[in-house]
Amino acid sequence: MSPEKNRSLDEFAAPEESPVNATSNTDAVDNSPSATTDMDTEQNVNTSPTETTAAIATYRWSPDGVACDQCGAVVQRQWRDDGSFVCASCKDW
């Protein structure tokens, strides 16, 4: 392996920041454009759902087996196909 490919991750890390207890005014307010934009955006977003749709199962399993809606074969595993549950042989993959 060439030396260029076998490098330490420390070479890519950002330089260490000042200690947490250091006195600095840079931590007080973040005036960067992204911080201001995020705050404005969060205030204007409506997060309440207006309409919900129940999840539709695409697969089902029965330990005793269930008849396929298309061919009638009794199988344990069925997949939804055009609104009905069918066996793997009848499923249009």
PDB file of N, CA and C in Angstrom:
ATOM      1  N   MET A   1       0.844  -1.170   0.000  1.00  0.00           N
ATOM      2  CA  MET A   1       0.000   0.000   0.000  1.00  0.00           C
ATOM      3  C   MET A   1       0.889   1.231   0.000  1.00  0.00           C
ATOM      4  N   SER A   2       0.557   2.199  -0.798  1.00  0.00           N
ATOM      5  CA  SER A   2       1.382   3.403  -0.879  1.00  0.00           C
ATOM      6  C   SER A   2       1.190   4.268   0.365  1.00  0.00           C
ATOM      7  N   PRO A   3       2.176   5.068   0.726  1.00  0.00           N
ATOM      8  CA  PRO A   3       2.074   5.913   1.915  1.00  0.00           C
ATOM      9  C   PRO A   3       0.922   6.917   1.839  1.00  0.00           C
ATOM     10  N   GLU A   4       0.534   7.354   0.653  1.00  0.00           N
ATOM     11  CA  GLU A   4      -0.550   8.317   0.523  1.00  0.00           C
ATOM     12  C   GLU A   4      -1.884   7.719   0.964  1.00  0.00           C
ATOM     13  N   LYS A   5      -2.068   6.428   0.774  1.00  0.00           N
ATOM     14  CA  LYS A   5      -3.331   5.791   1.118  1.00  0.00           C
ATOM     15  C   LYS A   5      -3.391   5.365   2.574  1.00  0.00           C
ATOM     16  N   ASN A   6      -2.279   5.302   3.253  1.00  0.00           N
ATOM     17  CA  ASN A   6      -2.237   4.835   4.630  1.00  0.00           C
ATOM     18  C   ASN A   6      -1.927   6.017   5.542  1.00  0.00           C
ATOM     19  N   ARG A   7      -2.875   6.941   5.652  1.00  0.00           N
ATOM     20  CA  ARG A   7      -2.662   8.150   6.440  1.00  0.00           C
ATOM     21  C   ARG A   7      -3.529   8.120   7.690  1.00  0.00           C
ATOM     22  N   SER A   8      -3.135   8.850   8.677  1.00  0.00           N
ATOM     23  CA  SER A   8      -3.861   8.922   9.935  1.00  0.00           C
ATOM     24  C   SER A   8      -5.099   9.798   9.776  1.00  0.00           C
ATOM     25  N   LEU A   9      -6.156   9.457  10.485  1.00  0.00           N
ATOM     26  CA  LEU A   9      -7.361  10.279  10.457  1.00  0.00           C
ATOM     27  C   LEU A   9      -7.130  11.626  11.126  1.00  0.00           C
ATOM     28  N   ASP A  10      -6.131  11.704  11.989  1.00  0.00           N
ATOM     29  CA  ASP A  10      -5.809  12.973  12.646  1.00  0.00           C
ATOM     30  C   ASP A  10      -5.451  14.056  11.632  1.00  0.00           C
ATOM     31  N   GLU A  11      -4.934  13.669  10.496  1.00  0.00           N
ATOM     32  CA  GLU A  11      -4.569  14.643   9.473  1.00  0.00           C
ATOM     33  C   GLU A  11      -5.796  15.339   8.885  1.00  0.00           C
ATOM     34  N   PHE A  12      -6.942  14.702   8.964  1.00  0.00           N
ATOM     35  CA  PHE A  12      -8.153  15.243   8.373  1.00  0.00           C
ATOM     36  C   PHE A  12      -9.053  15.927   9.392  1.00  0.00           C
ATOM     37  N   ALA A  13      -8.784  15.743  10.670  1.00  0.00           N
ATOM     38  CA  ALA A  13      -9.613  16.317  11.726  1.00  0.00           C
ATOM     39  C   ALA A  13      -9.426  17.824  11.795  1.00  0.00           C
ATOM     40  N   ALA A  14     -10.457  18.498  12.249  1.00  0.00           N
ATOM     41  CA  ALA A  14     -10.380  19.949  12.424  1.00  0.00           C
ATOM     42  C   ALA A  14      -9.454  20.250  13.590  1.00  0.00           C
ATOM     43  N   PRO A  15      -8.824  21.402  13.586  1.00  0.00           N
ATOM     44  CA  PRO A  15      -7.945  21.746  14.703  1.00  0.00           C
ATOM     45  C   PRO A  15      -8.746  21.809  15.994  1.00  0.00           C
ATOM     46  N   GLU A  16      -8.087  21.485  17.094  1.00  0.00           N
ATOM     47  CA  GLU A  16      -8.770  21.475  18.381  1.00  0.00           C
ATOM     48  C   GLU A  16      -9.254  22.869  18.724  1.00  0.00           C
ATOM     49  N   GLU A  17     -10.451  22.924  19.309  1.00  0.00           N
ATOM     50  CA  GLU A  17     -11.022  24.207  19.677  1.00  0.00           C
ATOM     51  C   GLU A  17     -10.564  24.598  21.065  1.00  0.00           C
ATOM     52  N   SER A  18     -10.825  25.834  21.434  1.00  0.00           N
ATOM     53  CA  SER A  18     -10.419  26.313  22.748  1.00  0.00           C
ATOM     54  C   SER A  18     -11.191  25.569  23.826  1.00  0.00           C
ATOM     55  N   PRO A  19     -10.667  25.506  25.035  1.00  0.00           N
ATOM     56  CA  PRO A  19     -11.342  24.801  26.124  1.00  0.00           C
ATOM     57  C   PRO A  19     -12.718  25.395  26.399  1.00  0.00           C
ATOM     58  N   VAL A  20     -13.585  24.596  26.987  1.00  0.00           N
ATOM     59  CA  VAL A  20     -14.956  25.008  27.254  1.00  0.00           C
ATOM     60  C   VAL A  20     -15.001  26.153  28.258  1.00  0.00           C
ATOM     61  N   ASN A  21     -14.118  26.161  29.226  1.00  0.00           N
ATOM     62  CA  ASN A  21     -14.142  27.172  30.277  1.00  0.00           C
ATOM     63  C   ASN A  21     -13.516  28.493  29.853  1.00  0.00           C
ATOM     64  N   ALA A  22     -13.021  28.593  28.663  1.00  0.00           N
ATOM     65  CA  ALA A  22     -12.386  29.825  28.206  1.00  0.00           C
ATOM     66  C   ALA A  22     -13.440  30.907  28.062  1.00  0.00           C
ATOM     67  N   THR A  23     -13.080  32.135  28.406  1.00  0.00           N
ATOM     68  CA  THR A  23     -14.030  33.237  28.298  1.00  0.00           C
ATOM     69  C   THR A  23     -13.967  33.807  26.893  1.00  0.00           C
ATOM     70  N   SER A  24     -15.117  33.787  26.240  1.00  0.00           N
ATOM     71  CA  SER A  24     -15.189  34.270  24.874  1.00  0.00           C
ATOM     72  C   SER A  24     -16.617  34.671  24.579  1.00  0.00           C
ATOM     73  N   ASN A  25     -16.814  35.706  23.809  1.00  0.00           N
ATOM     74  CA  ASN A  25     -18.148  36.147  23.431  1.00  0.00           C
ATOM     75  C   ASN A  25     -18.649  35.461  22.171  1.00  0.00           C
ATOM     76  N   THR A  26     -17.843  34.626  21.546  1.00  0.00           N
ATOM     77  CA  THR A  26     -18.259  33.978  20.304  1.00  0.00           C
ATOM     78  C   THR A  26     -19.329  32.938  20.545  1.00  0.00           C
ATOM     79  N   ASP A  27     -19.434  32.402  21.763  1.00  0.00           N
ATOM     80  CA  ASP A  27     -20.442  31.391  22.054  1.00  0.00           C
ATOM     81  C   ASP A  27     -21.794  32.008  22.387  1.00  0.00           C
ATOM     82  N   ALA A  28     -21.854  33.279  22.655  1.00  0.00           N
ATOM     83  CA  ALA A  28     -23.077  33.914  23.120  1.00  0.00           C
ATOM     84  C   ALA A  28     -24.154  33.939  22.035  1.00  0.00           C
ATOM     85  N   VAL A  29     -23.851  34.419  20.852  1.00  0.00           N
ATOM     86  CA  VAL A  29     -24.848  34.560  19.794  1.00  0.00           C
ATOM     87  C   VAL A  29     -24.234  34.101  18.485  1.00  0.00           C
ATOM     88  N   ASP A  30     -25.010  33.302  17.766  1.00  0.00           N
ATOM     89  CA  ASP A  30     -24.567  32.858  16.449  1.00  0.00           C
ATOM     90  C   ASP A  30     -25.276  33.719  15.419  1.00  0.00           C
ATOM     91  N   ASN A  31     -24.567  34.675  14.844  1.00  0.00           N
ATOM     92  CA  ASN A  31     -25.157  35.586  13.871  1.00  0.00           C
ATOM     93  C   ASN A  31     -24.937  35.138  12.437  1.00  0.00           C
ATOM     94  N   SER A  32     -24.581  33.906  12.247  1.00  0.00           N
ATOM     95  CA  SER A  32     -24.342  33.426  10.891  1.00  0.00           C
ATOM     96  C   SER A  32     -25.658  33.384  10.123  1.00  0.00           C
ATOM     97  N   PRO A  33     -25.617  33.541   8.822  1.00  0.00           N
ATOM     98  CA  PRO A  33     -26.848  33.526   8.023  1.00  0.00           C
ATOM     99  C   PRO A  33     -27.642  32.238   8.184  1.00  0.00           C
ATOM    100  N   SER A  34     -26.965  31.100   8.318  1.00  0.00           N
ATOM    101  CA  SER A  34     -27.693  29.840   8.433  1.00  0.00           C
ATOM    102  C   SER A  34     -28.473  29.776   9.730  1.00  0.00           C
ATOM    103  N   ALA A  35     -27.935  30.304  10.830  1.00  0.00           N
ATOM    104  CA  ALA A  35     -28.646  30.289  12.102  1.00  0.00           C
ATOM    105  C   ALA A  35     -29.889  31.161  12.023  1.00  0.00           C
ATOM    106  N   THR A  36     -29.786  32.323  11.428  1.00  0.00           N
ATOM    107  CA  THR A  36     -30.918  33.229  11.296  1.00  0.00           C
ATOM    108  C   THR A  36     -31.975  32.623  10.381  1.00  0.00           C
ATOM    109  N   THR A  37     -31.569  32.048   9.291  1.00  0.00           N
ATOM    110  CA  THR A  37     -32.495  31.427   8.356  1.00  0.00           C
ATOM    111  C   THR A  37     -33.230  30.270   9.007  1.00  0.00           C
ATOM    112  N   ASP A  38     -32.521  29.446   9.775  1.00  0.00           N
ATOM    113  CA  ASP A  38     -33.156  28.314  10.434  1.00  0.00           C
ATOM    114  C   ASP A  38     -34.234  28.777  11.399  1.00  0.00           C
ATOM    115  N   MET A  39     -33.961  29.830  12.161  1.00  0.00           N
ATOM    116  CA  MET A  39     -34.949  30.322  13.112  1.00  0.00           C
ATOM    117  C   MET A  39     -36.175  30.844  12.389  1.00  0.00           C
ATOM    118  N   ASP A  40     -35.990  31.617  11.340  1.00  0.00           N
ATOM    119  CA  ASP A  40     -37.112  32.165  10.596  1.00  0.00           C
ATOM    120  C   ASP A  40     -37.933  31.053   9.954  1.00  0.00           C
ATOM    121  N   THR A  41     -37.284  30.067   9.417  1.00  0.00           N
ATOM    122  CA  THR A  41     -37.963  28.964   8.758  1.00  0.00           C
ATOM    123  C   THR A  41     -38.789  28.160   9.746  1.00  0.00           C
ATOM    124  N   GLU A  42     -38.231  27.874  10.914  1.00  0.00           N
ATOM    125  CA  GLU A  42     -38.945  27.078  11.904  1.00  0.00           C
ATOM    126  C   GLU A  42     -40.216  27.774  12.361  1.00  0.00           C
ATOM    127  N   GLN A  43     -40.227  29.087  12.422  1.00  0.00           N
ATOM    128  CA  GLN A  43     -41.404  29.813  12.871  1.00  0.00           C
ATOM    129  C   GLN A  43     -42.507  29.795  11.824  1.00  0.00           C
ATOM    130  N   ASN A  44     -42.177  29.656  10.568  1.00  0.00           N
ATOM    131  CA  ASN A  44     -43.160  29.736   9.500  1.00  0.00           C
ATOM    132  C   ASN A  44     -43.645  28.381   8.998  1.00  0.00           C
ATOM    133  N   VAL A  45     -43.149  27.296   9.546  1.00  0.00           N
ATOM    134  CA  VAL A  45     -43.507  25.969   9.064  1.00  0.00           C
ATOM    135  C   VAL A  45     -44.679  25.421   9.866  1.00  0.00           C
ATOM    136  N   ASN A  46     -45.694  24.962   9.179  1.00  0.00           N
ATOM    137  CA  ASN A  46     -46.839  24.335   9.821  1.00  0.00           C
ATOM    138  C   ASN A  46     -46.553  22.846   9.921  1.00  0.00           C
ATOM    139  N   THR A  47     -46.336  22.356  11.128  1.00  0.00           N
ATOM    140  CA  THR A  47     -45.981  20.949  11.306  1.00  0.00           C
ATOM    141  C   THR A  47     -47.171  20.087  11.691  1.00  0.00           C
ATOM    142  N   SER A  48     -48.341  20.663  11.864  1.00  0.00           N
ATOM    143  CA  SER A  48     -49.501  19.855  12.227  1.00  0.00           C
ATOM    144  C   SER A  48     -50.045  19.162  10.982  1.00  0.00           C
ATOM    145  N   PRO A  49     -50.307  17.870  11.091  1.00  0.00           N
ATOM    146  CA  PRO A  49     -50.815  17.142   9.922  1.00  0.00           C
ATOM    147  C   PRO A  49     -52.249  17.567   9.613  1.00  0.00           C
ATOM    148  N   THR A  50     -52.546  17.667   8.352  1.00  0.00           N
ATOM    149  CA  THR A  50     -53.893  18.037   7.946  1.00  0.00           C
ATOM    150  C   THR A  50     -54.713  16.808   7.574  1.00  0.00           C
ATOM    151  N   GLU A  51     -54.050  15.781   7.117  1.00  0.00           N
ATOM    152  CA  GLU A  51     -54.749  14.561   6.735  1.00  0.00           C
ATOM    153  C   GLU A  51     -53.804  13.387   6.911  1.00  0.00           C
ATOM    154  N   THR A  52     -54.308  12.316   7.466  1.00  0.00           N
ATOM    155  CA  THR A  52     -53.474  11.134   7.630  1.00  0.00           C
ATOM    156  C   THR A  52     -54.079   9.972   6.870  1.00  0.00           C
ATOM    157  N   THR A  53     -53.221   9.119   6.394  1.00  0.00           N
ATOM    158  CA  THR A  53     -53.642   7.926   5.681  1.00  0.00           C
ATOM    159  C   THR A  53     -53.059   6.724   6.403  1.00  0.00           C
ATOM    160  N   ALA A  54     -53.882   5.752   6.677  1.00  0.00           N
ATOM    161  CA  ALA A  54     -53.417   4.555   7.367  1.00  0.00           C
ATOM    162  C   ALA A  54     -52.428   3.793   6.489  1.00  0.00           C
ATOM    163  N   ALA A  55     -51.451   3.187   7.125  1.00  0.00           N
ATOM    164  CA  ALA A  55     -50.471   2.380   6.397  1.00  0.00           C
ATOM    165  C   ALA A  55     -51.151   1.132   5.845  1.00  0.00           C
ATOM    166  N   ILE A  56     -50.711   0.707   4.691  1.00  0.00           N
ATOM    167  CA  ILE A  56     -51.281  -0.479   4.052  1.00  0.00           C
ATOM    168  C   ILE A  56     -50.235  -1.582   4.079  1.00  0.00           C
ATOM    169  N   ALA A  57     -50.615  -2.728   4.621  1.00  0.00           N
ATOM    170  CA  ALA A  57     -49.701  -3.867   4.682  1.00  0.00           C
ATOM    171  C   ALA A  57     -49.442  -4.393   3.279  1.00  0.00           C
ATOM    172  N   THR A  58     -48.191  -4.717   2.992  1.00  0.00           N
ATOM    173  CA  THR A  58     -47.844  -5.273   1.685  1.00  0.00           C
ATOM    174  C   THR A  58     -47.524  -6.753   1.776  1.00  0.00           C
ATOM    175  N   TYR A  59     -47.472  -7.280   3.001  1.00  0.00           N
ATOM    176  CA  TYR A  59     -47.099  -8.673   3.228  1.00  0.00           C
ATOM    177  C   TYR A  59     -47.835  -9.153   4.465  1.00  0.00           C
ATOM    178  N   ARG A  60     -48.198 -10.416   4.485  1.00  0.00           N
ATOM    179  CA  ARG A  60     -48.739 -10.995   5.712  1.00  0.00           C
ATOM    180  C   ARG A  60     -48.314 -12.444   5.825  1.00  0.00           C
ATOM    181  N   TRP A  61     -48.295 -12.920   7.063  1.00  0.00           N
ATOM    182  CA  TRP A  61     -47.863 -14.275   7.367  1.00  0.00           C
ATOM    183  C   TRP A  61     -48.863 -14.899   8.316  1.00  0.00           C
ATOM    184  N   SER A  62     -49.216 -16.130   8.076  1.00  0.00           N
ATOM    185  CA  SER A  62     -50.134 -16.857   8.938  1.00  0.00           C
ATOM    186  C   SER A  62     -49.543 -18.230   9.213  1.00  0.00           C
ATOM    187  N   PRO A  63     -49.337 -18.598  10.483  1.00  0.00           N
ATOM    188  CA  PRO A  63     -48.726 -19.895  10.789  1.00  0.00           C
ATOM    189  C   PRO A  63     -49.579 -21.075  10.323  1.00  0.00           C
ATOM    190  N   ASP A  64     -50.898 -20.890  10.264  1.00  0.00           N
ATOM    191  CA  ASP A  64     -51.780 -21.979   9.838  1.00  0.00           C
ATOM    192  C   ASP A  64     -51.999 -21.994   8.333  1.00  0.00           C
ATOM    193  N   GLY A  65     -51.594 -20.949   7.662  1.00  0.00           N
ATOM    194  CA  GLY A  65     -51.793 -20.854   6.220  1.00  0.00           C
ATOM    195  C   GLY A  65     -53.131 -20.223   5.881  1.00  0.00           C
ATOM    196  N   VAL A  66     -53.161 -19.514   4.772  1.00  0.00           N
ATOM    197  CA  VAL A  66     -54.362 -18.833   4.293  1.00  0.00           C
ATOM    198  C   VAL A  66     -54.450 -19.084   2.793  1.00  0.00           C
ATOM    199  N   ALA A  67     -55.672 -19.200   2.289  1.00  0.00           N
ATOM    200  CA  ALA A  67     -55.866 -19.444   0.857  1.00  0.00           C
ATOM    201  C   ALA A  67     -55.501 -18.204   0.049  1.00  0.00           C
ATOM    202  N   CYS A  68     -54.777 -18.417  -1.028  1.00  0.00           N
ATOM    203  CA  CYS A  68     -54.417 -17.345  -1.957  1.00  0.00           C
ATOM    204  C   CYS A  68     -55.697 -16.831  -2.606  1.00  0.00           C
ATOM    205  N   ASP A  69     -55.851 -15.516  -2.683  1.00  0.00           N
ATOM    206  CA  ASP A  69     -57.052 -14.927  -3.269  1.00  0.00           C
ATOM    207  C   ASP A  69     -57.170 -15.196  -4.763  1.00  0.00           C
ATOM    208  N   GLN A  70     -56.062 -15.547  -5.413  1.00  0.00           N
ATOM    209  CA  GLN A  70     -56.095 -15.740  -6.864  1.00  0.00           C
ATOM    210  C   GLN A  70     -56.209 -17.215  -7.255  1.00  0.00           C
ATOM    211  N   CYS A  71     -55.356 -18.083  -6.669  1.00  0.00           N
ATOM    212  CA  CYS A  71     -55.358 -19.488  -7.094  1.00  0.00           C
ATOM    213  C   CYS A  71     -55.936 -20.440  -6.045  1.00  0.00           C
ATOM    214  N   GLY A  72     -56.114 -19.975  -4.814  1.00  0.00           N
ATOM    215  CA  GLY A  72     -56.706 -20.806  -3.775  1.00  0.00           C
ATOM    216  C   GLY A  72     -55.728 -21.676  -3.010  1.00  0.00           C
ATOM    217  N   ALA A  73     -54.452 -21.685  -3.372  1.00  0.00           N
ATOM    218  CA  ALA A  73     -53.451 -22.487  -2.662  1.00  0.00           C
ATOM    219  C   ALA A  73     -53.302 -21.961  -1.234  1.00  0.00           C
ATOM    220  N   VAL A  74     -53.194 -22.876  -0.273  1.00  0.00           N
ATOM    221  CA  VAL A  74     -53.019 -22.490   1.122  1.00  0.00           C
ATOM    222  C   VAL A  74     -51.530 -22.295   1.379  1.00  0.00           C
ATOM    223  N   VAL A  75     -51.159 -21.073   1.749  1.00  0.00           N
ATOM    224  CA  VAL A  75     -49.762 -20.718   1.974  1.00  0.00           C
ATOM    225  C   VAL A  75     -49.648 -19.906   3.262  1.00  0.00           C
ATOM    226  N   GLN A  76     -48.440 -19.904   3.832  1.00  0.00           N
ATOM    227  CA  GLN A  76     -48.203 -19.115   5.040  1.00  0.00           C
ATOM    228  C   GLN A  76     -47.865 -17.662   4.712  1.00  0.00           C
ATOM    229  N   ARG A  77     -47.175 -17.428   3.604  1.00  0.00           N
ATOM    230  CA  ARG A  77     -46.729 -16.075   3.242  1.00  0.00           C
ATOM    231  C   ARG A  77     -47.501 -15.576   2.032  1.00  0.00           C
ATOM    232  N   GLN A  78     -48.022 -14.343   2.151  1.00  0.00           N
ATOM    233  CA  GLN A  78     -48.759 -13.730   1.053  1.00  0.00           C
ATOM    234  C   GLN A  78     -48.329 -12.274   0.885  1.00  0.00           C
ATOM    235  N   TRP A  79     -48.411 -11.793  -0.350  1.00  0.00           N
ATOM    236  CA  TRP A  79     -48.067 -10.413  -0.676  1.00  0.00           C
ATOM    237  C   TRP A  79     -49.272  -9.735  -1.300  1.00  0.00           C
ATOM    238  N   ARG A  80     -49.390  -8.434  -1.082  1.00  0.00           N
ATOM    239  CA  ARG A  80     -50.497  -7.670  -1.661  1.00  0.00           C
ATOM    240  C   ARG A  80     -50.226  -7.455  -3.148  1.00  0.00           C
ATOM    241  N   ASP A  81     -51.242  -7.730  -3.963  1.00  0.00           N
ATOM    242  CA  ASP A  81     -51.148  -7.522  -5.408  1.00  0.00           C
ATOM    243  C   ASP A  81     -52.507  -7.036  -5.891  1.00  0.00           C
ATOM    244  N   ASP A  82     -52.578  -5.793  -6.327  1.00  0.00           N
ATOM    245  CA  ASP A  82     -53.826  -5.180  -6.802  1.00  0.00           C
ATOM    246  C   ASP A  82     -54.954  -5.288  -5.778  1.00  0.00           C
ATOM    247  N   GLY A  83     -54.645  -5.030  -4.513  1.00  0.00           N
ATOM    248  CA  GLY A  83     -55.673  -4.980  -3.480  1.00  0.00           C
ATOM    249  C   GLY A  83     -56.002  -6.294  -2.810  1.00  0.00           C
ATOM    250  N   SER A  84     -55.445  -7.405  -3.245  1.00  0.00           N
ATOM    251  CA  SER A  84     -55.707  -8.686  -2.587  1.00  0.00           C
ATOM    252  C   SER A  84     -54.385  -9.356  -2.237  1.00  0.00           C
ATOM    253  N   PHE A  85     -54.440 -10.309  -1.314  1.00  0.00           N
ATOM    254  CA  PHE A  85     -53.237 -11.031  -0.910  1.00  0.00           C
ATOM    255  C   PHE A  85     -53.119 -12.319  -1.707  1.00  0.00           C
ATOM    256  N   VAL A  86     -51.937 -12.499  -2.312  1.00  0.00           N
ATOM    257  CA  VAL A  86     -51.704 -13.660  -3.165  1.00  0.00           C
ATOM    258  C   VAL A  86     -50.419 -14.364  -2.756  1.00  0.00           C
ATOM    259  N   CYS A  87     -50.251 -15.589  -3.220  1.00  0.00           N
ATOM    260  CA  CYS A  87     -49.042 -16.356  -2.939  1.00  0.00           C
ATOM    261  C   CYS A  87     -47.898 -15.860  -3.827  1.00  0.00           C
ATOM    262  N   ALA A  88     -46.710 -16.342  -3.556  1.00  0.00           N
ATOM    263  CA  ALA A  88     -45.529 -15.915  -4.316  1.00  0.00           C
ATOM    264  C   ALA A  88     -45.652 -16.285  -5.797  1.00  0.00           C
ATOM    265  N   SER A  89     -46.315 -17.404  -6.093  1.00  0.00           N
ATOM    266  CA  SER A  89     -46.463 -17.829  -7.490  1.00  0.00           C
ATOM    267  C   SER A  89     -47.389 -16.898  -8.274  1.00  0.00           C
ATOM    268  N   CYS A  90     -48.382 -16.346  -7.610  1.00  0.00           N
ATOM    269  CA  CYS A  90     -49.347 -15.476  -8.286  1.00  0.00           C
ATOM    270  C   CYS A  90     -48.929 -14.005  -8.275  1.00  0.00           C
ATOM    271  N   LYS A  91     -47.970 -13.646  -7.445  1.00  0.00           N
ATOM    272  CA  LYS A  91     -47.529 -12.251  -7.330  1.00  0.00           C
ATOM    273  C   LYS A  91     -46.822 -11.820  -8.603  1.00  0.00           C
ATOM    274  N   ASP A  92     -47.230 -10.671  -9.139  1.00  0.00           N
ATOM    275  CA  ASP A  92     -46.585 -10.109 -10.324  1.00  0.00           C
ATOM    276  C   ASP A  92     -45.385  -9.295  -9.866  1.00  0.00           C
ATOM    277  N   TRP A  93     -44.224  -9.910  -9.901  1.00  0.00           N
ATOM    278  CA  TRP A  93     -43.001  -9.260  -9.409  1.00  0.00           C
ATOM    279  C   TRP A  93     -42.505  -8.323 -10.452  1.00  0.00           C
TER     280      TRP A  93
END
